[in-house]
Amino acid sequence: MPVTNASARAQTPLNMRRVLPIFTLVFVDILGLTVILPLLHLYAAAYGADPLRIALAIAAFPLAQLIGVPVMGALSDRYGRKPLLLISQVTTCISFIMLGLATSLELVILSRLVDGLFGANLSTAQAALSDITDKTNRTRGLGITGAAFGLGFIFGPVIALISLELTDSLAVPAFTAAIYSFVSILVTAFIFKETHPPAKRGPGAQLWLSPATLFRYLLKPGLGILLLLMFAQQIIFFGYESLLGLFTLTRLGFLGRGNAVLFLIIGLILVTVQLRLIGRLSAKLGDGRLASLALGLLALGLLLTAATPEAPHPLYLRELVERDLLGARQSATEIIIGDLGVDLPTNENRGFSGIVWLLIAIVPVSIGAGLIRPALNSLITQSVAGHEYGRALGVSSALVSGANACAPMIAGLIFQQMGTSTPFAIGGLLMAGLCFLSMQAFGPRSKRI
């Protein structure tokens, strides 16, 4: 099924009565997940994990998703979205309870493996949205899931911090996430209506994502380039995400509160883009050009980030930050940061210039991040038949998970060996190359996409 790239087209209105339940269940799911994500390294550190084992605990979820998401996507094509959503949400809820009850690092890792193997909530919800949209409004519909993610990105870390402040227990955020996950189960069971009826389901699909199957998808005209773009941009972007907090520490002297405000701003931009802008831009530009625009914005933002001057905020004092990081009453997070051997900025050149520069840089990064995955996933669904939406999006999500598993290691190695700006500069240049590639693939002369 060829992918069209009309420069302008009339959009079919979204059926909000069917979209809103999907938005709600995704938001509640993401809220539970984002309560845990900012604290996951603390769960590992609480059991004496060194940085390498902490990285393993963080990588366990995306590594498991490499296996689980394609399987769950194929099963949703065969048996419908609702039963697979319920299975995925129940196991996610169980994994959060396991995390709250964990008494060893091995149980922490096991809880993340369980969630990764069976937790295909987002990709199955994206398949459900693809079922009830067409090519004129699918990017906007998929943007709804991105907006839910952005809202969860705003509120989840705040809830985690409040939970820790009130209880001083890592079990409480995990159990809080389990409650939100249970609410999403109720939404799916009683409000969500099946979007993939038996008449539209294909014959028994292969469930295992074998190398041969993956290569078949990658070699398929049109679809292969989309999957490669999804994988490549995610490696670069997740490397940026995983290093941003460390970068702001070394350039601006930011600790927890400063980064919390920064991520709050990013979340607000993501929500605005995905609720207000993506539908209009998709209708005006077409999904192919929208993807190229997103890649260009990401490249610009990464290059601007690399050029952020070393100018600590006005209240920064190196001695106080060192005491907070390595003092006698250090927390698990501070121990980890201290062990990395980070070079803190000096007390000179304090001011607002670095903060203002970085705030400018995160605008194109956040806008590009809000546009790229809905645009690419919309193009992916236009490259396959309707009964393959779940499997195609599952492969896309599996490649994203693979990128998420290796990106922190690659970016972190470059950060330590070649300098704090280098991973962002290299990432910006590579993202610019992906933008050029997408312009060639999605341009008016292209017959494939």
Foldseek 3Di string as FASTA:
>chain_A
DFFDFDQFDDFDDAPCLQLVLLLLLLLLLLLLVLLCVVCLLVLLVVQPDAPVLSLVLVLLQLVLLLWAQLLLLLVCLAPFLLVLLLQLLVQLLVLLLQSLVDDHNVSSSVSSNSNNNRNNNLLSSLLLLPLRGDLLCSLLSNLSSLLSNLVSLLVNNVVNVVQCVVPVGPSRSSNVSSVSSVVSSVSSVPRHDTSQDNVNRDPRDDNGCDPVNLVVQLPQFQRNLLLVLLLLLLLLLLLCVVCVQVLCCAQAVDDDVVVSVVSNVLSVLLNCLSNPPQSVSCNNGNLLVLQLQLLLLQLQLLQLSLVQHRAYAQVDAPVVSCCQLDNPPHRSVSPNSVVVVRDHDHPPNHHCRNVVSNVVSSNSNSNSVSRNPSSSLSSQCVSDDSSCSSSSSSVSSSSSSVSNSCSNVVSVVCCSPPHPSVSSNVSSVVSNVSSVVSCVCSPPPHPRD
